[in-house]
């Protein structure tokens, strides 16, 4: 299945002065278009190849032992996503927000500052989001919560699952 970015049902300047044509060009014309292009590159040859976008989104979170650990630690994937997103969006200053496996095999969310690392805390990193301003100030105009929201579209659950098993 090939995915396409649909045309907007209005001119890009139609929302001015509240939302500029330039913002729509960046947000829709560049960022959304890049997501669709990347989706079309990532899907062929995978179990998602013949699925609709709705089906892909519903089946893309982690499975197996990692999903079980997420549910054990946070109650549900939705609660984990909410907790991780809030932690990343409110991590003070510059740094990182991590999903880590602790010594007992359970999962935790860890915020570090500056060059801090989960590794130096004796934890096994599974996923990390860079919350230094340089990671998001251009694309989201310094809106960290929007950057965190976008980040979920890029999570490599196969990588996290391998880290969890390792």
N, C-alpha and C. Protein backbone atom coordinates (compact mmCIF):
# COMPACT_ATOMS: atom_id res chain seq x y z
N UNK A 1 0.85 -1.18 0.00
CA UNK A 1 0.00 0.00 0.00
C UNK A 1 0.89 1.24 0.00
N UNK A 2 0.59 2.18 -0.86
CA UNK A 2 1.32 3.45 -0.90
C UNK A 2 0.46 4.52 -0.24
N UNK A 3 1.09 5.28 0.63
CA UNK A 3 0.39 6.34 1.34
C UNK A 3 0.68 7.67 0.67
N UNK A 4 -0.31 8.56 0.69
CA UNK A 4 -0.17 9.88 0.08
C UNK A 4 -0.69 10.94 1.03
N UNK A 5 -0.04 12.07 1.04
CA UNK A 5 -0.49 13.21 1.83
C UNK A 5 -1.62 13.89 1.06
N UNK A 6 -2.82 13.92 1.61
CA UNK A 6 -3.92 14.54 0.87
C UNK A 6 -3.74 16.06 0.79
N UNK A 7 -4.31 16.64 -0.24
CA UNK A 7 -4.29 18.10 -0.35
C UNK A 7 -5.13 18.69 0.78
N UNK A 8 -4.70 19.85 1.26
CA UNK A 8 -5.52 20.56 2.24
C UNK A 8 -6.81 21.01 1.56
N UNK A 9 -7.91 21.04 2.29
CA UNK A 9 -9.18 21.45 1.69
C UNK A 9 -9.35 22.98 1.64
N UNK A 10 -8.25 23.70 1.79
CA UNK A 10 -8.29 25.16 1.76
C UNK A 10 -6.91 25.67 1.36
N UNK A 11 -6.85 26.92 0.99
CA UNK A 11 -5.57 27.54 0.64
C UNK A 11 -4.69 27.63 1.88
N UNK A 12 -3.40 27.55 1.69
CA UNK A 12 -2.49 27.61 2.85
C UNK A 12 -2.55 28.94 3.59
N UNK A 13 -3.03 29.97 2.94
CA UNK A 13 -3.17 31.27 3.59
C UNK A 13 -4.54 31.46 4.24
N UNK A 14 -5.42 30.49 4.14
CA UNK A 14 -6.80 30.64 4.61
C UNK A 14 -6.92 30.80 6.12
N UNK A 15 -5.94 30.39 6.86
CA UNK A 15 -6.03 30.46 8.32
C UNK A 15 -5.36 31.69 8.91
N UNK A 16 -4.81 32.53 8.05
CA UNK A 16 -4.17 33.76 8.54
C UNK A 16 -5.24 34.71 9.07
N UNK A 17 -4.95 35.48 10.07
CA UNK A 17 -3.66 35.73 10.70
C UNK A 17 -3.33 34.78 11.85
N UNK A 18 -4.20 33.81 12.12
CA UNK A 18 -4.00 32.94 13.28
C UNK A 18 -2.93 31.89 13.05
N UNK A 19 -2.90 31.31 11.85
CA UNK A 19 -1.86 30.37 11.46
C UNK A 19 -1.40 30.79 10.07
N UNK A 20 -0.11 31.08 9.96
CA UNK A 20 0.40 31.62 8.70
C UNK A 20 0.57 30.55 7.63
N UNK A 21 0.60 31.00 6.40
CA UNK A 21 0.89 30.11 5.28
C UNK A 21 2.27 29.49 5.44
N UNK A 22 3.21 30.25 5.99
CA UNK A 22 4.56 29.72 6.21
C UNK A 22 4.54 28.55 7.20
N UNK A 23 3.75 28.70 8.27
CA UNK A 23 3.64 27.61 9.24
C UNK A 23 3.04 26.37 8.59
N UNK A 24 1.99 26.55 7.81
CA UNK A 24 1.40 25.40 7.12
C UNK A 24 2.38 24.78 6.14
N UNK A 25 3.16 25.61 5.48
CA UNK A 25 4.15 25.08 4.54
C UNK A 25 5.17 24.20 5.27
N UNK A 26 5.66 24.69 6.41
CA UNK A 26 6.61 23.89 7.18
C UNK A 26 5.94 22.66 7.77
N UNK A 27 4.83 22.90 8.47
CA UNK A 27 4.21 21.82 9.23
C UNK A 27 3.59 20.76 8.33
N UNK A 28 2.80 21.20 7.37
CA UNK A 28 2.09 20.26 6.51
C UNK A 28 2.91 19.91 5.26
N UNK A 29 3.39 20.95 4.60
CA UNK A 29 4.08 20.75 3.33
C UNK A 29 5.43 20.08 3.45
N UNK A 30 6.11 20.26 4.58
CA UNK A 30 7.43 19.64 4.75
C UNK A 30 7.40 18.49 5.77
N UNK A 31 6.96 18.77 7.01
CA UNK A 31 7.03 17.75 8.05
C UNK A 31 6.05 16.60 7.80
N UNK A 32 4.80 16.92 7.55
CA UNK A 32 3.85 15.84 7.29
C UNK A 32 4.23 15.08 6.02
N UNK A 33 4.66 15.79 5.01
CA UNK A 33 5.08 15.14 3.77
C UNK A 33 6.28 14.21 4.02
N UNK A 34 7.19 14.63 4.89
CA UNK A 34 8.34 13.78 5.22
C UNK A 34 7.90 12.53 5.97
N UNK A 35 6.92 12.66 6.86
CA UNK A 35 6.40 11.49 7.57
C UNK A 35 5.81 10.48 6.58
N UNK A 36 5.04 10.99 5.62
CA UNK A 36 4.43 10.10 4.63
C UNK A 36 5.52 9.45 3.77
N UNK A 37 6.50 10.22 3.34
CA UNK A 37 7.60 9.66 2.54
C UNK A 37 8.35 8.59 3.32
N UNK A 38 8.64 8.85 4.59
CA UNK A 38 9.34 7.87 5.40
C UNK A 38 8.49 6.63 5.64
N UNK A 39 7.20 6.81 5.84
CA UNK A 39 6.30 5.68 5.99
C UNK A 39 6.37 4.79 4.76
N UNK A 40 6.34 5.41 3.59
CA UNK A 40 6.40 4.65 2.34
C UNK A 40 7.74 3.93 2.16
N UNK A 41 8.81 4.43 2.78
CA UNK A 41 10.10 3.75 2.73
C UNK A 41 10.20 2.61 3.73
N UNK A 42 9.55 2.77 4.89
CA UNK A 42 9.69 1.82 5.98
C UNK A 42 8.76 0.61 5.88
N UNK A 43 7.61 0.76 5.26
CA UNK A 43 6.59 -0.28 5.27
C UNK A 43 6.86 -1.46 4.33
N UNK A 44 7.38 -1.26 3.12
CA UNK A 44 7.56 -2.40 2.21
C UNK A 44 8.43 -3.50 2.83
N UNK A 45 7.96 -4.74 2.66
CA UNK A 45 8.71 -5.88 3.16
C UNK A 45 8.51 -6.17 4.64
N UNK A 46 7.60 -5.44 5.30
CA UNK A 46 7.33 -5.67 6.73
C UNK A 46 5.91 -6.21 6.89
N UNK A 47 5.58 -6.56 8.12
CA UNK A 47 4.23 -7.05 8.40
C UNK A 47 3.17 -5.96 8.21
N UNK A 48 3.60 -4.71 8.03
CA UNK A 48 2.68 -3.59 7.85
C UNK A 48 2.36 -3.30 6.38
N UNK A 49 2.99 -4.03 5.50
CA UNK A 49 2.94 -3.72 4.06
C UNK A 49 1.53 -3.59 3.49
N UNK A 50 0.61 -4.43 3.91
CA UNK A 50 -0.74 -4.40 3.34
C UNK A 50 -1.77 -3.83 4.31
N UNK A 51 -1.32 -3.10 5.32
CA UNK A 51 -2.23 -2.56 6.32
C UNK A 51 -2.51 -1.08 6.06
N UNK A 52 -3.68 -0.65 6.51
CA UNK A 52 -4.02 0.77 6.46
C UNK A 52 -3.21 1.49 7.53
N UNK A 53 -3.16 2.81 7.46
CA UNK A 53 -2.44 3.58 8.47
C UNK A 53 -3.05 3.35 9.85
N UNK A 54 -4.36 3.28 9.94
CA UNK A 54 -5.02 3.01 11.22
C UNK A 54 -4.57 1.67 11.79
N UNK A 55 -4.50 0.65 10.95
CA UNK A 55 -4.06 -0.68 11.42
C UNK A 55 -2.61 -0.65 11.86
N UNK A 56 -1.77 0.08 11.14
CA UNK A 56 -0.35 0.18 11.52
C UNK A 56 -0.22 0.83 12.88
N UNK A 57 -0.91 1.94 13.09
CA UNK A 57 -0.81 2.66 14.36
C UNK A 57 -1.29 1.78 15.51
N UNK A 58 -2.36 1.04 15.29
CA UNK A 58 -2.92 0.20 16.36
C UNK A 58 -2.02 -0.97 16.70
N UNK A 59 -1.19 -1.44 15.76
CA UNK A 59 -0.36 -2.62 16.02
C UNK A 59 1.12 -2.32 16.16
N UNK A 60 1.53 -1.04 16.09
CA UNK A 60 2.95 -0.70 16.10
C UNK A 60 3.61 -0.64 17.48
N UNK A 61 2.87 -0.44 18.60
CA UNK A 61 3.57 -0.44 19.90
C UNK A 61 4.26 -1.76 20.18
N UNK A 62 5.09 -1.80 21.24
CA UNK A 62 5.87 -3.01 21.49
C UNK A 62 4.99 -4.21 21.80
N UNK A 63 5.54 -5.36 21.53
CA UNK A 63 4.84 -6.60 21.84
C UNK A 63 5.70 -7.48 22.73
N UNK A 64 5.22 -8.66 23.02
CA UNK A 64 5.98 -9.65 23.76
C UNK A 64 6.37 -9.21 25.16
N UNK A 65 7.58 -9.60 25.56
CA UNK A 65 8.06 -9.36 26.92
C UNK A 65 8.14 -7.87 27.23
N UNK A 66 8.52 -7.05 26.25
CA UNK A 66 8.60 -5.61 26.51
C UNK A 66 7.20 -5.04 26.77
N UNK A 67 6.21 -5.46 26.01
CA UNK A 67 4.84 -5.00 26.24
C UNK A 67 4.36 -5.42 27.63
N UNK A 68 4.68 -6.65 28.01
CA UNK A 68 4.31 -7.13 29.34
C UNK A 68 4.96 -6.28 30.43
N UNK A 69 6.23 -5.93 30.24
CA UNK A 69 6.94 -5.11 31.23
C UNK A 69 6.37 -3.70 31.29
N UNK A 70 6.00 -3.13 30.13
CA UNK A 70 5.37 -1.81 30.10
C UNK A 70 4.06 -1.85 30.87
N UNK A 71 3.24 -2.86 30.61
CA UNK A 71 1.96 -2.97 31.32
C UNK A 71 2.16 -3.18 32.81
N UNK A 72 3.16 -3.97 33.20
CA UNK A 72 3.43 -4.21 34.62
C UNK A 72 3.88 -2.92 35.32
N UNK A 73 4.72 -2.15 34.65
CA UNK A 73 5.28 -0.95 35.28
C UNK A 73 4.32 0.24 35.26
N UNK A 74 3.52 0.35 34.20
CA UNK A 74 2.73 1.57 34.03
C UNK A 74 1.22 1.33 33.96
N UNK A 75 0.81 0.08 33.90
CA UNK A 75 -0.62 -0.23 33.84
C UNK A 75 -1.16 -0.43 32.44
N UNK A 76 -0.62 0.31 31.49
CA UNK A 76 -1.02 0.19 30.08
C UNK A 76 -0.02 0.94 29.22
N UNK A 77 -0.05 0.65 27.92
CA UNK A 77 0.82 1.39 27.02
C UNK A 77 0.43 2.86 26.99
N UNK A 78 -0.86 3.14 26.99
CA UNK A 78 -1.33 4.54 26.97
C UNK A 78 -0.82 5.32 28.18
N UNK A 79 -0.86 4.69 29.36
CA UNK A 79 -0.37 5.36 30.57
C UNK A 79 1.16 5.55 30.50
N UNK A 80 1.87 4.55 29.98
CA UNK A 80 3.31 4.71 29.79
C UNK A 80 3.60 5.88 28.87
N UNK A 81 2.93 5.94 27.74
CA UNK A 81 3.16 7.01 26.76
C UNK A 81 2.87 8.38 27.39
N UNK A 82 1.80 8.47 28.14
CA UNK A 82 1.45 9.72 28.81
C UNK A 82 2.52 10.11 29.84
N UNK A 83 2.96 9.15 30.64
CA UNK A 83 3.96 9.42 31.68
C UNK A 83 5.29 9.80 31.07
N UNK A 84 5.72 9.05 30.05
CA UNK A 84 6.99 9.35 29.38
C UNK A 84 6.94 10.73 28.72
N UNK A 85 5.85 11.02 28.03
CA UNK A 85 5.71 12.31 27.34
C UNK A 85 5.75 13.47 28.33
N UNK A 86 5.05 13.33 29.44
CA UNK A 86 5.05 14.38 30.46
C UNK A 86 6.45 14.56 31.04
N UNK A 87 7.11 13.45 31.31
CA UNK A 87 8.47 13.52 31.86
C UNK A 87 9.41 14.22 30.89
N UNK A 88 9.34 13.88 29.60
CA UNK A 88 10.20 14.50 28.59
C UNK A 88 9.88 15.98 28.41
N UNK A 89 8.59 16.31 28.39
CA UNK A 89 8.19 17.70 28.17
C UNK A 89 8.55 18.60 29.35
N UNK A 90 8.63 18.03 30.54
CA UNK A 90 8.90 18.83 31.74
C UNK A 90 10.30 18.63 32.30
N UNK A 91 11.13 17.86 31.61
CA UNK A 91 12.51 17.66 32.04
C UNK A 91 13.19 19.02 32.03
N UNK A 92 13.59 19.51 33.18
CA UNK A 92 14.10 20.88 33.30
C UNK A 92 15.42 21.05 32.57
N UNK A 93 15.51 22.12 31.79
CA UNK A 93 16.75 22.45 31.10
C UNK A 93 17.01 21.52 29.93
N UNK A 94 18.27 21.30 29.65
CA UNK A 94 18.69 20.43 28.54
C UNK A 94 19.05 19.07 29.06
N UNK A 95 18.72 18.05 28.30
CA UNK A 95 19.06 16.71 28.74
C UNK A 95 18.36 15.64 27.94
N UNK A 96 17.97 14.58 28.65
CA UNK A 96 17.47 13.37 28.02
C UNK A 96 16.39 12.75 28.90
N UNK A 97 15.43 12.08 28.28
CA UNK A 97 14.46 11.27 29.01
C UNK A 97 14.58 9.85 28.47
N UNK A 98 14.69 8.91 29.37
CA UNK A 98 15.02 7.52 29.04
C UNK A 98 13.92 6.57 29.51
N UNK A 99 13.70 5.51 28.75
CA UNK A 99 13.02 4.32 29.25
C UNK A 99 14.14 3.33 29.51
N UNK A 100 14.23 2.87 30.74
CA UNK A 100 15.33 2.00 31.13
C UNK A 100 14.83 0.73 31.81
N UNK A 101 15.67 -0.30 31.75
CA UNK A 101 15.44 -1.53 32.51
C UNK A 101 16.34 -1.46 33.72
N UNK A 102 15.75 -1.66 34.90
CA UNK A 102 16.55 -1.61 36.12
C UNK A 102 17.12 -2.98 36.45
N UNK A 103 17.86 -3.08 37.53
CA UNK A 103 18.55 -4.32 37.90
C UNK A 103 17.58 -5.46 38.17
N UNK A 104 16.34 -5.13 38.56
CA UNK A 104 15.33 -6.16 38.82
C UNK A 104 14.60 -6.60 37.56
N UNK A 105 14.92 -5.98 36.41
CA UNK A 105 14.25 -6.30 35.16
C UNK A 105 13.01 -5.50 34.90
N UNK A 106 12.66 -4.60 35.82
CA UNK A 106 11.50 -3.74 35.64
C UNK A 106 11.85 -2.50 34.85
N UNK A 107 10.84 -1.75 34.47
CA UNK A 107 11.04 -0.54 33.68
C UNK A 107 10.86 0.71 34.52
N UNK A 108 11.63 1.74 34.16
CA UNK A 108 11.53 3.04 34.80
C UNK A 108 11.72 4.11 33.74
N UNK A 109 11.25 5.30 34.06
CA UNK A 109 11.52 6.48 33.24
C UNK A 109 12.51 7.31 34.03
N UNK A 110 13.55 7.75 33.35
CA UNK A 110 14.63 8.50 34.00
C UNK A 110 14.89 9.78 33.22
N UNK A 111 14.96 10.89 33.91
CA UNK A 111 15.41 12.15 33.32
C UNK A 111 16.85 12.40 33.73
N UNK A 112 17.69 12.79 32.77
CA UNK A 112 19.05 13.21 33.07
C UNK A 112 19.27 14.60 32.48
N UNK A 113 20.22 15.29 33.03
CA UNK A 113 20.54 16.63 32.56
C UNK A 113 21.87 16.64 31.84
N UNK A 114 22.00 17.58 30.95
CA UNK A 114 23.24 17.81 30.23
C UNK A 114 23.78 16.52 29.62
N UNK A 115 24.96 16.08 30.02
CA UNK A 115 25.55 14.88 29.43
C UNK A 115 25.28 13.63 30.25
N UNK A 116 24.32 13.69 31.17
CA UNK A 116 23.99 12.54 32.00
C UNK A 116 23.51 11.37 31.16
N UNK A 117 23.72 10.16 31.67
CA UNK A 117 23.37 8.96 30.92
C UNK A 117 22.78 7.92 31.86
N UNK A 118 21.85 7.14 31.35
CA UNK A 118 21.31 6.02 32.12
C UNK A 118 22.40 5.00 32.42
N UNK A 119 23.35 4.88 31.53
CA UNK A 119 24.44 3.91 31.73
C UNK A 119 25.24 4.21 32.98
N UNK A 120 25.48 5.49 33.26
CA UNK A 120 26.27 5.84 34.44
C UNK A 120 25.48 5.62 35.73
N UNK A 121 24.18 5.38 35.59
CA UNK A 121 23.34 5.07 36.75
C UNK A 121 23.15 3.58 36.92
N UNK A 122 23.84 2.77 36.09
CA UNK A 122 23.75 1.33 36.19
C UNK A 122 22.47 0.75 35.61
N UNK A 123 21.82 1.49 34.73
CA UNK A 123 20.56 1.06 34.13
C UNK A 123 20.78 0.72 32.66
N UNK A 124 19.90 -0.10 32.11
CA UNK A 124 19.99 -0.49 30.70
C UNK A 124 19.07 0.39 29.87
N UNK A 125 19.62 1.24 29.01
CA UNK A 125 18.77 2.10 28.18
C UNK A 125 18.01 1.28 27.14
N UNK A 126 16.72 1.57 27.02
CA UNK A 126 15.89 0.94 25.99
C UNK A 126 15.53 1.96 24.91
N UNK A 127 15.13 3.14 25.34
CA UNK A 127 14.80 4.25 24.44
C UNK A 127 15.26 5.54 25.09
N UNK A 128 15.52 6.54 24.26
CA UNK A 128 15.87 7.85 24.79
C UNK A 128 15.38 8.92 23.84
N UNK A 129 14.96 10.03 24.42
CA UNK A 129 14.60 11.21 23.63
C UNK A 129 15.51 12.35 24.06
N UNK A 130 16.07 13.00 23.08
CA UNK A 130 16.94 14.16 23.29
C UNK A 130 16.05 15.38 23.50
N UNK A 131 16.10 15.99 24.68
CA UNK A 131 15.30 17.19 24.93
C UNK A 131 16.15 18.45 25.08
N UNK A 132 17.29 18.46 24.42
CA UNK A 132 18.06 19.69 24.30
C UNK A 132 17.33 20.56 23.28
N UNK A 133 17.35 21.85 23.46
CA UNK A 133 16.62 22.74 22.56
C UNK A 133 17.00 22.58 21.09
N UNK A 134 18.26 22.28 20.81
CA UNK A 134 18.67 22.16 19.41
C UNK A 134 17.94 21.04 18.70
N UNK A 135 17.38 20.09 19.44
CA UNK A 135 16.67 18.97 18.82
C UNK A 135 15.30 19.38 18.27
N UNK A 136 14.75 20.48 18.78
CA UNK A 136 13.37 20.80 18.40
C UNK A 136 13.07 22.27 18.13
N UNK A 137 14.00 23.18 18.37
CA UNK A 137 13.61 24.58 18.28
C UNK A 137 13.32 25.05 16.86
N UNK A 138 13.88 24.42 15.85
CA UNK A 138 13.57 24.83 14.48
C UNK A 138 12.24 24.23 14.03
N UNK A 139 12.14 22.91 14.12
CA UNK A 139 10.96 22.24 13.58
C UNK A 139 9.68 22.56 14.32
N UNK A 140 9.75 22.68 15.63
CA UNK A 140 8.52 22.96 16.38
C UNK A 140 8.54 24.35 17.01
N UNK A 141 9.45 25.17 16.53
CA UNK A 141 9.55 26.55 17.01
C UNK A 141 9.62 26.60 18.54
N UNK A 142 10.47 25.70 19.06
CA UNK A 142 10.77 25.63 20.48
C UNK A 142 9.61 25.10 21.32
N UNK A 143 8.69 24.36 20.69
CA UNK A 143 7.57 23.76 21.41
C UNK A 143 7.92 22.31 21.75
N UNK A 144 8.52 22.13 22.92
CA UNK A 144 8.97 20.79 23.30
C UNK A 144 7.83 19.77 23.34
N UNK A 145 6.65 20.08 23.88
CA UNK A 145 5.59 19.06 23.87
C UNK A 145 5.23 18.57 22.47
N UNK A 146 5.24 19.44 21.49
CA UNK A 146 4.94 19.02 20.12
C UNK A 146 6.06 18.12 19.59
N UNK A 147 7.29 18.47 19.90
CA UNK A 147 8.43 17.63 19.52
C UNK A 147 8.28 16.23 20.12
N UNK A 148 7.92 16.16 21.40
CA UNK A 148 7.73 14.86 22.06
C UNK A 148 6.61 14.08 21.36
N UNK A 149 5.53 14.76 21.04
CA UNK A 149 4.42 14.12 20.33
C UNK A 149 4.90 13.54 19.00
N UNK A 150 5.68 14.31 18.26
CA UNK A 150 6.20 13.84 16.97
C UNK A 150 7.17 12.68 17.13
N UNK A 151 7.93 12.68 18.22
CA UNK A 151 8.93 11.64 18.46
C UNK A 151 8.31 10.25 18.48
N UNK A 152 7.10 10.13 18.98
CA UNK A 152 6.45 8.82 19.06
C UNK A 152 6.28 8.19 17.68
N UNK A 153 6.25 8.99 16.64
CA UNK A 153 6.13 8.45 15.28
C UNK A 153 7.43 7.80 14.79
N UNK A 154 8.51 7.99 15.53
CA UNK A 154 9.82 7.52 15.11
C UNK A 154 10.41 6.43 16.00
N UNK A 155 9.72 6.07 17.06
CA UNK A 155 10.27 5.10 18.01
C UNK A 155 10.53 3.76 17.31
N UNK A 156 11.72 3.24 17.53
CA UNK A 156 12.12 1.96 16.96
C UNK A 156 11.90 0.88 18.03
N UNK A 157 10.71 0.28 18.01
CA UNK A 157 10.38 -0.71 19.04
C UNK A 157 11.19 -1.99 18.89
N UNK A 158 11.62 -2.33 17.69
CA UNK A 158 12.49 -3.50 17.52
C UNK A 158 13.80 -3.29 18.27
N UNK A 159 14.36 -2.10 18.19
CA UNK A 159 15.58 -1.75 18.90
C UNK A 159 15.37 -1.84 20.41
N UNK A 160 14.26 -1.26 20.89
CA UNK A 160 13.96 -1.29 22.33
C UNK A 160 13.77 -2.71 22.81
N UNK A 161 13.11 -3.53 22.01
CA UNK A 161 12.87 -4.93 22.38
C UNK A 161 14.18 -5.69 22.47
N UNK A 162 15.08 -5.45 21.52
CA UNK A 162 16.41 -6.10 21.58
C UNK A 162 17.18 -5.66 22.82
N UNK A 163 17.12 -4.38 23.15
CA UNK A 163 17.80 -3.88 24.35
C UNK A 163 17.20 -4.50 25.61
N UNK A 164 15.89 -4.65 25.64
CA UNK A 164 15.21 -5.23 26.80
C UNK A 164 15.61 -6.69 26.97
N UNK A 165 15.71 -7.43 25.87
CA UNK A 165 16.05 -8.86 25.93
C UNK A 165 17.52 -9.07 26.24
N UNK A 166 18.38 -8.10 25.84
CA UNK A 166 19.82 -8.26 25.96
C UNK A 166 20.30 -8.16 27.34
